Amino acid sequence: MSLALLTEFDWSGAITAGAAIATTVIAYLALRTWRRQDTAKREVDFLDAAVDAVQAYTVEIGHVIALMRSVQIGFEAHKPSGSDDRIAGAIAYIESKSEVAARRLQEELEASRSSMTQLRFLAAKGQIFDFEGYDTFSNAISRLVRQYGRASSLYSMVASPTWNWDHPEVRSLLQKLIKIDPSEMTQNVNDDHDAIIQFCQATYRTIYKK
């Protein structure tokens, strides 16, 4: 560029334009950083909520399972003398202990309903995040919620001493409920609790590496 051109060049305009471009770039980079930080915060908040919910639910459903074990023992204790008829024992227990057993089960189920509902909500909400291995988290919650459903089925049976015990469908359902193994339920709950916690730990590490 010749001296004349340099002299005539609109340096103030060029500097102003350059400054505007630089400001735009800085603003864009700042926005990207803010978005990453905002996304990371929402992901961490989600994981925090998941940890709190699964911890609460594990304790609360544990109380429910303990009562289920007590009911199962009651079924055994009420079998006819010299008989191994578990259905007869269950019917005798329900007809004689229904009010107390059902009330206690209902109280514990109600106490765990909030954390169970929160877990279901989180399983649905978490789909908006691009978490690696999210199926592990979602499937574990599905299994945990299923334990609540099993306990609710037992409660419904125990709470109704006037069932028609001779009805094939009633006896079939009672037979299934008698076969529920509270120890197995406890183990499954603990395994799914651990799966969720491990997922959260791994995801925390991924977020903080970004």
N, C-alpha and C. Protein backbone atom coordinates (compact mmCIF):
# COMPACT_ATOMS: atom_id res chain seq x y z
N MET A 1 0.86 -1.20 0.00
CA MET A 1 0.00 0.00 0.00
C MET A 1 0.89 1.23 0.00
N SER A 2 0.63 2.20 -0.91
CA SER A 2 1.46 3.39 -1.03
C SER A 2 1.21 4.30 0.14
N LEU A 3 2.13 5.29 0.30
CA LEU A 3 2.00 6.24 1.40
C LEU A 3 0.71 7.02 1.28
N ALA A 4 0.35 7.36 0.03
CA ALA A 4 -0.88 8.13 -0.18
C ALA A 4 -2.10 7.33 0.27
N LEU A 5 -2.09 6.07 -0.10
CA LEU A 5 -3.23 5.22 0.28
C LEU A 5 -3.29 5.05 1.79
N LEU A 6 -2.10 4.87 2.40
CA LEU A 6 -2.06 4.74 3.85
C LEU A 6 -2.60 5.98 4.53
N THR A 7 -2.26 7.12 3.92
CA THR A 7 -2.72 8.39 4.50
C THR A 7 -4.22 8.54 4.36
N GLU A 8 -4.73 8.09 3.18
CA GLU A 8 -6.15 8.27 2.93
C GLU A 8 -7.02 7.19 3.56
N PHE A 9 -6.40 6.09 3.99
CA PHE A 9 -7.18 4.95 4.53
C PHE A 9 -7.89 5.37 5.81
N ASP A 10 -9.12 4.92 5.93
CA ASP A 10 -9.94 5.28 7.10
C ASP A 10 -9.60 4.35 8.26
N TRP A 11 -8.49 4.70 8.94
CA TRP A 11 -8.04 3.85 10.05
C TRP A 11 -9.04 3.83 11.20
N SER A 12 -9.65 4.96 11.48
CA SER A 12 -10.59 5.00 12.62
C SER A 12 -11.77 4.08 12.35
N GLY A 13 -12.25 4.03 11.09
CA GLY A 13 -13.37 3.14 10.76
C GLY A 13 -12.97 1.68 10.86
N ALA A 14 -11.73 1.40 10.39
CA ALA A 14 -11.26 0.01 10.44
C ALA A 14 -11.11 -0.45 11.88
N ILE A 15 -10.56 0.43 12.70
CA ILE A 15 -10.38 0.09 14.12
C ILE A 15 -11.73 -0.13 14.78
N THR A 16 -12.68 0.73 14.45
CA THR A 16 -14.02 0.60 15.03
C THR A 16 -14.67 -0.72 14.60
N ALA A 17 -14.53 -1.04 13.29
CA ALA A 17 -15.09 -2.30 12.78
C ALA A 17 -14.42 -3.50 13.43
N GLY A 18 -13.09 -3.40 13.55
CA GLY A 18 -12.35 -4.50 14.18
C GLY A 18 -12.76 -4.69 15.63
N ALA A 19 -12.96 -3.58 16.32
CA ALA A 19 -13.38 -3.66 17.72
C ALA A 19 -14.76 -4.28 17.83
N ALA A 20 -15.64 -3.95 16.89
CA ALA A 20 -17.00 -4.51 16.90
C ALA A 20 -16.95 -6.02 16.70
N ILE A 21 -16.08 -6.45 15.74
CA ILE A 21 -15.95 -7.88 15.49
C ILE A 21 -15.39 -8.60 16.71
N ALA A 22 -14.38 -8.00 17.32
CA ALA A 22 -13.77 -8.60 18.51
C ALA A 22 -14.79 -8.70 19.64
N THR A 23 -15.60 -7.64 19.80
CA THR A 23 -16.63 -7.66 20.84
C THR A 23 -17.65 -8.77 20.58
N THR A 24 -18.01 -8.94 19.30
CA THR A 24 -18.96 -10.00 18.94
C THR A 24 -18.39 -11.38 19.25
N VAL A 25 -17.12 -11.58 18.91
CA VAL A 25 -16.47 -12.87 19.16
C VAL A 25 -16.40 -13.14 20.65
N ILE A 26 -16.01 -12.13 21.41
CA ILE A 26 -15.91 -12.29 22.87
C ILE A 26 -17.28 -12.61 23.47
N ALA A 27 -18.30 -11.91 22.97
CA ALA A 27 -19.66 -12.16 23.47
C ALA A 27 -20.11 -13.58 23.13
N TYR A 28 -19.76 -14.03 21.93
CA TYR A 28 -20.14 -15.38 21.51
C TYR A 28 -19.44 -16.43 22.38
N LEU A 29 -18.14 -16.23 22.61
CA LEU A 29 -17.40 -17.17 23.44
C LEU A 29 -17.92 -17.17 24.87
N ALA A 30 -18.26 -15.99 25.36
CA ALA A 30 -18.81 -15.89 26.72
C ALA A 30 -20.15 -16.62 26.81
N LEU A 31 -20.96 -16.49 25.74
CA LEU A 31 -22.26 -17.16 25.72
C LEU A 31 -22.08 -18.67 25.73
N ARG A 32 -21.12 -19.15 24.91
CA ARG A 32 -20.86 -20.59 24.88
C ARG A 32 -20.41 -21.09 26.24
N THR A 33 -19.54 -20.33 26.89
CA THR A 33 -19.06 -20.72 28.23
C THR A 33 -20.21 -20.75 29.22
N TRP A 34 -21.07 -19.72 29.15
CA TRP A 34 -22.22 -19.64 30.06
C TRP A 34 -23.16 -20.82 29.83
N ARG A 35 -23.37 -21.16 28.56
CA ARG A 35 -24.26 -22.28 28.26
C ARG A 35 -23.71 -23.58 28.80
N ARG A 36 -22.39 -23.78 28.63
CA ARG A 36 -21.77 -24.99 29.16
C ARG A 36 -21.90 -25.04 30.68
N GLN A 37 -21.67 -23.89 31.31
CA GLN A 37 -21.77 -23.84 32.77
C GLN A 37 -23.21 -24.08 33.23
N ASP A 38 -24.16 -23.49 32.49
CA ASP A 38 -25.57 -23.66 32.85
C ASP A 38 -26.00 -25.11 32.67
N THR A 39 -25.58 -25.73 31.59
CA THR A 39 -25.90 -27.15 31.35
C THR A 39 -25.29 -28.03 32.42
N ALA A 40 -24.04 -27.74 32.76
CA ALA A 40 -23.36 -28.53 33.79
C ALA A 40 -24.08 -28.39 35.14
N LYS A 41 -24.53 -27.17 35.43
CA LYS A 41 -25.24 -26.96 36.71
C LYS A 41 -26.54 -27.75 36.73
N ARG A 42 -27.28 -27.73 35.62
CA ARG A 42 -28.55 -28.47 35.57
C ARG A 42 -28.30 -29.97 35.68
N GLU A 43 -27.22 -30.44 35.07
CA GLU A 43 -26.89 -31.87 35.16
C GLU A 43 -26.53 -32.25 36.59
N VAL A 44 -25.73 -31.41 37.23
CA VAL A 44 -25.34 -31.70 38.61
C VAL A 44 -26.54 -31.64 39.54
N ASP A 45 -27.41 -30.66 39.34
CA ASP A 45 -28.63 -30.57 40.15
C ASP A 45 -29.47 -31.83 39.99
N PHE A 46 -29.55 -32.32 38.77
CA PHE A 46 -30.30 -33.55 38.50
C PHE A 46 -29.70 -34.73 39.26
N LEU A 47 -28.39 -34.87 39.19
CA LEU A 47 -27.72 -35.97 39.87
C LEU A 47 -27.86 -35.86 41.38
N ASP A 48 -27.77 -34.64 41.91
CA ASP A 48 -27.96 -34.44 43.34
C ASP A 48 -29.35 -34.90 43.78
N ALA A 49 -30.35 -34.54 42.99
CA ALA A 49 -31.73 -34.94 43.29
C ALA A 49 -31.88 -36.46 43.23
N ALA A 50 -31.22 -37.08 42.25
CA ALA A 50 -31.30 -38.54 42.10
C ALA A 50 -30.68 -39.25 43.30
N VAL A 51 -29.53 -38.76 43.74
CA VAL A 51 -28.86 -39.37 44.90
C VAL A 51 -29.75 -39.23 46.14
N ASP A 52 -30.30 -38.05 46.37
CA ASP A 52 -31.16 -37.83 47.53
C ASP A 52 -32.39 -38.74 47.49
N ALA A 53 -32.99 -38.84 46.31
CA ALA A 53 -34.22 -39.63 46.17
C ALA A 53 -33.96 -41.12 46.38
N VAL A 54 -32.88 -41.63 45.80
CA VAL A 54 -32.63 -43.08 45.92
C VAL A 54 -32.20 -43.44 47.33
N GLN A 55 -31.50 -42.52 48.01
CA GLN A 55 -31.13 -42.78 49.40
C GLN A 55 -32.38 -42.85 50.27
N ALA A 56 -33.27 -41.88 50.09
CA ALA A 56 -34.50 -41.85 50.88
C ALA A 56 -35.37 -43.06 50.59
N TYR A 57 -35.52 -43.39 49.31
CA TYR A 57 -36.39 -44.50 48.93
C TYR A 57 -35.85 -45.83 49.45
N THR A 58 -34.54 -46.01 49.40
CA THR A 58 -33.95 -47.26 49.86
C THR A 58 -34.25 -47.50 51.33
N VAL A 59 -34.15 -46.45 52.12
CA VAL A 59 -34.48 -46.58 53.56
C VAL A 59 -35.97 -46.85 53.75
N GLU A 60 -36.79 -46.09 53.05
CA GLU A 60 -38.25 -46.18 53.25
C GLU A 60 -38.81 -47.52 52.74
N ILE A 61 -38.38 -47.97 51.58
CA ILE A 61 -38.88 -49.24 51.07
C ILE A 61 -38.34 -50.39 51.92
N GLY A 62 -37.20 -50.15 52.57
CA GLY A 62 -36.66 -51.15 53.50
C GLY A 62 -37.62 -51.40 54.66
N HIS A 63 -38.26 -50.33 55.13
CA HIS A 63 -39.26 -50.49 56.20
C HIS A 63 -40.46 -51.28 55.71
N VAL A 64 -40.85 -51.02 54.47
CA VAL A 64 -41.98 -51.75 53.88
C VAL A 64 -41.64 -53.24 53.78
N ILE A 65 -40.45 -53.53 53.31
CA ILE A 65 -40.04 -54.93 53.14
C ILE A 65 -39.97 -55.64 54.49
N ALA A 66 -39.52 -54.93 55.51
CA ALA A 66 -39.48 -55.53 56.85
C ALA A 66 -40.87 -55.94 57.31
N LEU A 67 -41.85 -55.11 57.02
CA LEU A 67 -43.23 -55.46 57.37
C LEU A 67 -43.74 -56.63 56.52
N MET A 68 -43.34 -56.67 55.26
CA MET A 68 -43.72 -57.79 54.41
C MET A 68 -43.15 -59.10 54.98
N ARG A 69 -41.94 -59.03 55.49
CA ARG A 69 -41.34 -60.21 56.11
C ARG A 69 -42.16 -60.63 57.34
N SER A 70 -42.59 -59.66 58.10
CA SER A 70 -43.42 -59.95 59.27
C SER A 70 -44.73 -60.63 58.87
N VAL A 71 -45.33 -60.14 57.79
CA VAL A 71 -46.58 -60.74 57.30
C VAL A 71 -46.33 -62.17 56.84
N GLN A 72 -45.23 -62.39 56.14
CA GLN A 72 -44.89 -63.74 55.68
C GLN A 72 -44.73 -64.70 56.86
N ILE A 73 -44.10 -64.21 57.91
CA ILE A 73 -43.96 -65.04 59.11
C ILE A 73 -45.34 -65.34 59.70
N GLY A 74 -46.21 -64.33 59.66
CA GLY A 74 -47.57 -64.55 60.14
C GLY A 74 -48.30 -65.61 59.34
N PHE A 75 -48.09 -65.61 58.02
CA PHE A 75 -48.70 -66.64 57.17
C PHE A 75 -48.27 -68.03 57.65
N GLU A 76 -46.97 -68.17 57.89
CA GLU A 76 -46.43 -69.46 58.31
C GLU A 76 -46.99 -69.86 59.68
N ALA A 77 -47.06 -68.89 60.57
CA ALA A 77 -47.49 -69.18 61.95
C ALA A 77 -48.96 -69.58 62.03
N HIS A 78 -49.74 -69.22 61.04
CA HIS A 78 -51.18 -69.50 61.08
C HIS A 78 -51.57 -70.72 60.23
N LYS A 79 -50.58 -71.48 59.78
CA LYS A 79 -50.91 -72.71 59.06
C LYS A 79 -51.60 -73.68 60.02
N PRO A 80 -52.56 -74.45 59.53
CA PRO A 80 -53.23 -75.43 60.40
C PRO A 80 -52.22 -76.38 61.03
N SER A 81 -52.46 -76.78 62.24
CA SER A 81 -51.55 -77.67 62.96
C SER A 81 -51.30 -78.94 62.15
N GLY A 82 -50.03 -79.25 61.97
CA GLY A 82 -49.65 -80.45 61.25
C GLY A 82 -49.80 -80.34 59.75
N SER A 83 -50.06 -79.14 59.24
CA SER A 83 -50.27 -78.96 57.81
C SER A 83 -49.21 -78.02 57.25
N ASP A 84 -48.91 -78.19 55.97
CA ASP A 84 -47.99 -77.29 55.28
C ASP A 84 -48.74 -76.44 54.26
N ASP A 85 -50.02 -76.26 54.50
CA ASP A 85 -50.89 -75.50 53.58
C ASP A 85 -50.67 -74.01 53.82
N ARG A 86 -49.79 -73.41 53.02
CA ARG A 86 -49.45 -72.00 53.20
C ARG A 86 -50.62 -71.08 52.85
N ILE A 87 -51.42 -71.51 51.89
CA ILE A 87 -52.59 -70.69 51.54
C ILE A 87 -53.55 -70.63 52.72
N ALA A 88 -53.80 -71.77 53.36
CA ALA A 88 -54.69 -71.79 54.52
C ALA A 88 -54.12 -70.90 55.63
N GLY A 89 -52.80 -70.94 55.81
CA GLY A 89 -52.17 -70.09 56.82
C GLY A 89 -52.31 -68.62 56.49
N ALA A 90 -52.15 -68.29 55.22
CA ALA A 90 -52.29 -66.89 54.80
C ALA A 90 -53.72 -66.40 55.01
N ILE A 91 -54.68 -67.23 54.65
CA ILE A 91 -56.09 -66.84 54.82
C ILE A 91 -56.41 -66.64 56.30
N ALA A 92 -55.96 -67.56 57.13
CA ALA A 92 -56.22 -67.45 58.57
C ALA A 92 -55.59 -66.18 59.14
N TYR A 93 -54.37 -65.86 58.68
CA TYR A 93 -53.69 -64.65 59.15
C TYR A 93 -54.45 -63.40 58.73
N ILE A 94 -54.82 -63.35 57.45
CA ILE A 94 -55.52 -62.17 56.93
C ILE A 94 -56.85 -61.97 57.64
N GLU A 95 -57.57 -63.05 57.89
CA GLU A 95 -58.88 -62.94 58.54
C GLU A 95 -58.78 -62.52 59.99
N SER A 96 -57.65 -62.81 60.63
CA SER A 96 -57.52 -62.49 62.05
C SER A 96 -56.66 -61.25 62.33
N LYS A 97 -55.74 -60.94 61.40
CA LYS A 97 -54.79 -59.83 61.66
C LYS A 97 -54.88 -58.72 60.63
N SER A 98 -55.90 -58.74 59.81
CA SER A 98 -55.98 -57.83 58.67
C SER A 98 -55.86 -56.36 59.07
N GLU A 99 -56.62 -55.95 60.06
CA GLU A 99 -56.70 -54.52 60.39
C GLU A 99 -55.34 -53.95 60.78
N VAL A 100 -54.66 -54.63 61.70
CA VAL A 100 -53.37 -54.12 62.19
C VAL A 100 -52.30 -54.20 61.10
N ALA A 101 -52.21 -55.36 60.43
CA ALA A 101 -51.17 -55.55 59.41
C ALA A 101 -51.36 -54.58 58.25
N ALA A 102 -52.59 -54.42 57.81
CA ALA A 102 -52.87 -53.53 56.68
C ALA A 102 -52.56 -52.07 57.04
N ARG A 103 -52.90 -51.67 58.24
CA ARG A 103 -52.66 -50.28 58.64
C ARG A 103 -51.16 -49.97 58.65
N ARG A 104 -50.38 -50.89 59.18
CA ARG A 104 -48.93 -50.67 59.25
C ARG A 104 -48.32 -50.65 57.84
N LEU A 105 -48.76 -51.55 56.99
CA LEU A 105 -48.26 -51.56 55.62
C LEU A 105 -48.63 -50.27 54.89
N GLN A 106 -49.87 -49.84 55.09
CA GLN A 106 -50.32 -48.61 54.43
C GLN A 106 -49.49 -47.41 54.87
N GLU A 107 -49.20 -47.33 56.15
CA GLU A 107 -48.42 -46.21 56.68
C GLU A 107 -47.03 -46.16 56.05
N GLU A 108 -46.39 -47.32 55.95
CA GLU A 108 -45.04 -47.35 55.39
C GLU A 108 -45.05 -47.11 53.88
N LEU A 109 -46.08 -47.61 53.21
CA LEU A 109 -46.19 -47.35 51.77
C LEU A 109 -46.41 -45.86 51.50
N GLU A 110 -47.23 -45.24 52.32
CA GLU A 110 -47.47 -43.80 52.17
C GLU A 110 -46.19 -43.01 52.43
N ALA A 111 -45.42 -43.46 53.40
CA ALA A 111 -44.18 -42.77 53.74
C ALA A 111 -43.16 -42.83 52.61
N SER A 112 -43.20 -43.90 51.82
CA SER A 112 -42.23 -44.05 50.73
C SER A 112 -42.76 -43.58 49.38
N ARG A 113 -44.03 -43.17 49.34
CA ARG A 113 -44.64 -42.79 48.07
C ARG A 113 -43.94 -41.58 47.44
N SER A 114 -43.59 -40.59 48.26
CA SER A 114 -43.00 -39.36 47.74
C SER A 114 -41.66 -39.62 47.04
N SER A 115 -40.79 -40.39 47.68
CA SER A 115 -39.48 -40.66 47.08
C SER A 115 -39.63 -41.58 45.86
N MET A 116 -40.60 -42.49 45.91
CA MET A 116 -40.84 -43.35 44.75
C MET A 116 -41.31 -42.52 43.56
N THR A 117 -42.22 -41.59 43.81
CA THR A 117 -42.72 -40.71 42.75
C THR A 117 -41.60 -39.84 42.20
N GLN A 118 -40.74 -39.37 43.09
CA GLN A 118 -39.60 -38.55 42.66
C GLN A 118 -38.66 -39.34 41.76
N LEU A 119 -38.43 -40.58 42.09
CA LEU A 119 -37.56 -41.42 41.25
C LEU A 119 -38.16 -41.61 39.86
N ARG A 120 -39.45 -41.85 39.80
CA ARG A 120 -40.11 -42.01 38.50
C ARG A 120 -40.01 -40.72 37.68
N PHE A 121 -40.19 -39.59 38.35
CA PHE A 121 -40.08 -38.29 37.68
C PHE A 121 -38.66 -38.09 37.14
N LEU A 122 -37.66 -38.43 37.94
CA LEU A 122 -36.27 -38.25 37.52
C LEU A 122 -35.91 -39.17 36.36
N ALA A 123 -36.45 -40.39 36.37
CA ALA A 123 -36.18 -41.31 35.27
C ALA A 123 -36.67 -40.75 33.95
N ALA A 124 -37.83 -40.06 34.00
CA ALA A 124 -38.37 -39.45 32.78
C ALA A 124 -37.59 -38.18 32.41
N LYS A 125 -37.31 -37.36 33.41
CA LYS A 125 -36.62 -36.09 33.15
C LYS A 125 -35.21 -36.30 32.63
N GLY A 126 -34.54 -37.31 33.12
CA GLY A 126 -33.14 -37.53 32.76
C GLY A 126 -32.91 -37.80 31.29
N GLN A 127 -33.98 -38.12 30.58
CA GLN A 127 -33.84 -38.41 29.15
C GLN A 127 -33.44 -37.17 28.34
N ILE A 128 -33.63 -35.98 28.91
CA ILE A 128 -33.27 -34.76 28.18
C ILE A 128 -31.76 -34.53 28.18
N PHE A 129 -31.06 -35.20 29.08
CA PHE A 129 -29.60 -35.06 29.14
C PHE A 129 -28.96 -36.17 28.31
N ASP A 130 -27.81 -35.88 27.79
CA ASP A 130 -27.10 -36.87 26.98
C ASP A 130 -26.10 -37.62 27.86
N PHE A 131 -26.63 -38.30 28.88
CA PHE A 131 -25.77 -39.02 29.81
C PHE A 131 -25.35 -40.36 29.22
N GLU A 132 -24.09 -40.66 29.34
CA GLU A 132 -23.60 -41.97 28.89
C GLU A 132 -24.07 -43.04 29.88
N GLY A 133 -24.55 -44.15 29.35
CA GLY A 133 -25.00 -45.25 30.21
C GLY A 133 -26.29 -44.96 30.95
N TYR A 134 -27.13 -44.08 30.39
CA TYR A 134 -28.35 -43.69 31.09
C TYR A 134 -29.31 -44.86 31.29
N ASP A 135 -29.27 -45.84 30.41
CA ASP A 135 -30.16 -46.99 30.55
C ASP A 135 -29.95 -47.70 31.88
N THR A 136 -28.71 -47.72 32.35
CA THR A 136 -28.42 -48.35 33.65
C THR A 136 -29.20 -47.66 34.76
N PHE A 137 -29.21 -46.34 34.72
CA PHE A 137 -29.93 -45.53 35.71
C PHE A 137 -31.43 -45.75 35.60
N SER A 138 -31.95 -45.64 34.39
CA SER A 138 -33.38 -45.76 34.15
C SER A 138 -33.92 -47.15 34.51
N ASN A 139 -33.19 -48.19 34.11
CA ASN A 139 -33.63 -49.55 34.40
C ASN A 139 -33.60 -49.85 35.89
N ALA A 140 -32.61 -49.33 36.58
CA ALA A 140 -32.53 -49.54 38.04
C ALA A 140 -33.73 -48.90 38.73
N ILE A 141 -34.12 -47.72 38.29
CA ILE A 141 -35.28 -47.06 38.88
C ILE A 141 -36.54 -47.87 38.60
N SER A 142 -36.68 -48.39 37.40
CA SER A 142 -37.85 -49.20 37.06
C SER A 142 -37.97 -50.40 37.99
N ARG A 143 -36.85 -51.04 38.27
CA ARG A 143 -36.87 -52.20 39.17
C ARG A 143 -37.19 -51.79 40.60
N LEU A 144 -36.67 -50.65 41.04
CA LEU A 144 -36.98 -50.17 42.39
C LEU A 144 -38.47 -49.87 42.53
N VAL A 145 -39.03 -49.23 41.55
CA VAL A 145 -40.46 -48.90 41.59
C VAL A 145 -41.30 -50.17 41.56
N ARG A 146 -40.82 -51.18 40.87
CA ARG A 146 -41.55 -52.46 40.81
C ARG A 146 -41.69 -53.08 42.20
N GLN A 147 -40.69 -52.88 43.06
CA GLN A 147 -40.77 -53.42 44.41
C GLN A 147 -41.91 -52.76 45.19
N TYR A 148 -42.11 -51.48 44.93
CA TYR A 148 -43.22 -50.77 45.57
C TYR A 148 -44.55 -51.38 45.12
N GLY A 149 -44.63 -51.71 43.83
CA GLY A 149 -45.85 -52.32 43.30
C GLY A 149 -46.13 -53.67 43.93
N ARG A 150 -45.08 -54.46 44.15
CA ARG A 150 -45.26 -55.76 44.78
C ARG A 150 -45.78 -55.61 46.21
N ALA A 151 -45.22 -54.66 46.92
CA ALA A 151 -45.67 -54.41 48.29
C ALA A 151 -47.11 -53.92 48.31
N SER A 152 -47.47 -53.10 47.34
CA SER A 152 -48.84 -52.60 47.26
C SER A 152 -49.83 -53.73 47.01
N SER A 153 -49.42 -54.70 46.20
CA SER A 153 -50.29 -55.85 45.92
C SER A 153 -50.52 -56.66 47.18
N LEU A 154 -49.48 -56.84 47.97
CA LEU A 154 -49.63 -57.57 49.23
C LEU A 154 -50.54 -56.81 50.18
N TYR A 155 -50.35 -55.50 50.23
CA TYR A 155 -51.21 -54.67 51.09
C TYR A 155 -52.68 -54.83 50.68
N SER A 156 -52.96 -54.77 49.39
CA SER A 156 -54.34 -54.88 48.91
C SER A 156 -54.97 -56.20 49.32
N MET A 157 -54.18 -57.26 49.30
CA MET A 157 -54.70 -58.56 49.70
C MET A 157 -54.94 -58.62 51.21
N VAL A 158 -53.98 -58.15 51.97
CA VAL A 158 -54.08 -58.21 53.43
C VAL A 158 -55.19 -57.31 53.94
N ALA A 159 -55.43 -56.21 53.24
CA ALA A 159 -56.42 -55.23 53.71
C ALA A 159 -57.87 -55.67 53.45
N SER A 160 -58.06 -56.79 52.79
CA SER A 160 -59.43 -57.22 52.42
C SER A 160 -59.70 -58.64 52.92
N PRO A 161 -60.09 -58.78 54.17
CA PRO A 161 -60.32 -60.12 54.73
C PRO A 161 -61.57 -60.80 54.19
N THR A 162 -62.35 -60.09 53.39
CA THR A 162 -63.60 -60.67 52.89
C THR A 162 -63.48 -61.17 51.46
N TRP A 163 -62.26 -61.39 50.98
CA TRP A 163 -62.09 -61.97 49.65
C TRP A 163 -62.83 -63.30 49.56
N ASN A 164 -63.26 -63.64 48.37
CA ASN A 164 -63.83 -64.97 48.11
C ASN A 164 -62.64 -65.91 47.89
N TRP A 165 -62.22 -66.55 48.96
CA TRP A 165 -61.00 -67.35 48.91
C TRP A 165 -61.11 -68.57 48.01
N ASP A 166 -62.30 -68.94 47.65
CA ASP A 166 -62.48 -70.09 46.76
C ASP A 166 -62.36 -69.72 45.28
N HIS A 167 -62.32 -68.42 45.00
CA HIS A 167 -62.24 -67.98 43.60
C HIS A 167 -60.84 -68.30 43.06
N PRO A 168 -60.75 -68.93 41.91
CA PRO A 168 -59.44 -69.33 41.36
C PRO A 168 -58.46 -68.17 41.20
N GLU A 169 -58.93 -67.02 40.74
CA GLU A 169 -58.03 -65.89 40.53
C GLU A 169 -57.52 -65.33 41.85
N VAL A 170 -58.39 -65.32 42.86
CA VAL A 170 -57.98 -64.84 44.18
C VAL A 170 -56.92 -65.77 44.76
N ARG A 171 -57.14 -67.06 44.66
CA ARG A 171 -56.18 -68.02 45.19
C ARG A 171 -54.86 -67.96 44.41
N SER A 172 -54.95 -67.75 43.10
CA SER A 172 -53.74 -67.65 42.29
C SER A 172 -52.90 -66.44 42.70
N LEU A 173 -53.57 -65.30 42.90
CA LEU A 173 -52.86 -64.09 43.33
C LEU A 173 -52.25 -64.29 44.71
N LEU A 174 -53.02 -64.89 45.61
CA LEU A 174 -52.51 -65.12 46.97
C LEU A 174 -51.29 -66.02 46.93
N GLN A 175 -51.33 -67.03 46.09
CA GLN A 175 -50.19 -67.93 45.96
C GLN A 175 -48.94 -67.18 45.50
N LYS A 176 -49.10 -66.26 44.55
CA LYS A 176 -47.97 -65.47 44.07
C LYS A 176 -47.41 -64.58 45.18
N LEU A 177 -48.30 -64.00 45.96
CA LEU A 177 -47.85 -63.10 47.03
C LEU A 177 -47.15 -63.88 48.14
N ILE A 178 -47.61 -65.10 48.39
CA ILE A 178 -46.98 -65.94 49.41
C ILE A 178 -45.53 -66.25 49.02
N LYS A 179 -45.29 -66.37 47.72
CA LYS A 179 -43.96 -66.75 47.23
C LYS A 179 -42.97 -65.59 47.19
N ILE A 180 -43.44 -64.38 47.45
CA ILE A 180 -42.51 -63.24 47.48
C ILE A 180 -41.46 -63.47 48.55
N ASP A 181 -40.22 -63.25 48.18
CA ASP A 181 -39.09 -63.44 49.11
C ASP A 181 -38.56 -62.07 49.55
N PRO A 182 -38.87 -61.64 50.77
CA PRO A 182 -38.40 -60.32 51.24
C PRO A 182 -36.88 -60.18 51.21
N SER A 183 -36.17 -61.27 51.47
CA SER A 183 -34.69 -61.20 51.45
C SER A 183 -34.19 -60.91 50.04
N GLU A 184 -34.83 -61.54 49.07
CA GLU A 184 -34.47 -61.28 47.67
C GLU A 184 -34.81 -59.84 47.29
N MET A 185 -35.95 -59.35 47.76
CA MET A 185 -36.32 -57.96 47.50
C MET A 185 -35.28 -57.01 48.05
N THR A 186 -34.84 -57.26 49.28
CA THR A 186 -33.83 -56.40 49.91
C THR A 186 -32.55 -56.39 49.10
N GLN A 187 -32.12 -57.57 48.65
CA GLN A 187 -30.90 -57.66 47.86
C GLN A 187 -31.05 -56.90 46.54
N ASN A 188 -32.20 -57.05 45.90
CA ASN A 188 -32.44 -56.36 44.63
C ASN A 188 -32.45 -54.84 44.82
N VAL A 189 -33.08 -54.38 45.89
CA VAL A 189 -33.11 -52.94 46.18
C VAL A 189 -31.69 -52.42 46.39
N ASN A 190 -30.89 -53.15 47.16
CA ASN A 190 -29.52 -52.72 47.42
C ASN A 190 -28.70 -52.69 46.13
N ASP A 191 -28.89 -53.70 45.28
CA ASP A 191 -28.15 -53.75 44.01
C ASP A 191 -28.52 -52.57 43.11
N ASP A 192 -29.81 -52.26 43.05
CA ASP A 192 -30.24 -51.16 42.18
C ASP A 192 -29.84 -49.81 42.77
N HIS A 193 -29.86 -49.70 44.09
CA HIS A 193 -29.36 -48.50 44.75
C HIS A 193 -27.89 -48.27 44.37
N ASP A 194 -27.09 -49.34 44.46
CA ASP A 194 -25.66 -49.22 44.15
C ASP A 194 -25.45 -48.86 42.67
N ALA A 195 -26.27 -49.43 41.79
CA ALA A 195 -26.14 -49.13 40.36
C ALA A 195 -26.40 -47.65 40.09
N ILE A 196 -27.38 -47.09 40.75
CA ILE A 196 -27.70 -45.67 40.57
C ILE A 196 -26.59 -44.78 41.11
N ILE A 197 -26.09 -45.11 42.30
CA ILE A 197 -25.01 -44.32 42.90
C ILE A 197 -23.76 -44.37 42.02
N GLN A 198 -23.43 -45.54 41.51
CA GLN A 198 -22.25 -45.67 40.65
C GLN A 198 -22.43 -44.87 39.36
N PHE A 199 -23.63 -44.90 38.79
CA PHE A 199 -23.91 -44.10 37.60
C PHE A 199 -23.70 -42.61 37.90
N CYS A 200 -24.23 -42.17 39.03
CA CYS A 200 -24.11 -40.74 39.40
C CYS A 200 -22.65 -40.36 39.61
N GLN A 201 -21.90 -41.21 40.28
CA GLN A 201 -20.48 -40.93 40.51
C GLN A 201 -19.72 -40.80 39.19
N ALA A 202 -19.96 -41.73 38.29
CA ALA A 202 -19.27 -41.69 36.99
C ALA A 202 -19.67 -40.45 36.20
N THR A 203 -20.93 -40.07 36.28
CA THR A 203 -21.42 -38.90 35.53
C THR A 203 -20.90 -37.61 36.14
N TYR A 204 -20.80 -37.55 37.47
CA TYR A 204 -20.18 -36.38 38.11
C TYR A 204 -18.77 -36.18 37.56
N ARG A 205 -18.00 -37.26 37.50
CA ARG A 205 -16.61 -37.15 37.02
C ARG A 205 -16.57 -36.65 35.58
N THR A 206 -17.48 -37.15 34.76
CA THR A 206 -17.52 -36.71 33.36
C THR A 206 -17.84 -35.22 33.25
N ILE A 207 -18.79 -34.76 34.05
CA ILE A 207 -19.18 -33.35 34.00
C ILE A 207 -18.02 -32.45 34.40
N TYR A 208 -17.32 -32.81 35.47
CA TYR A 208 -16.27 -31.92 35.98
C TYR A 208 -14.99 -31.98 35.15
N LYS A 209 -14.94 -32.90 34.20
CA LYS A 209 -13.81 -32.95 33.27
C LYS A 209 -14.03 -32.08 32.05
N LYS A 210 -15.30 -31.63 31.86
CA LYS A 210 -15.62 -30.84 30.65
C LYS A 210 -14.93 -29.49 30.71
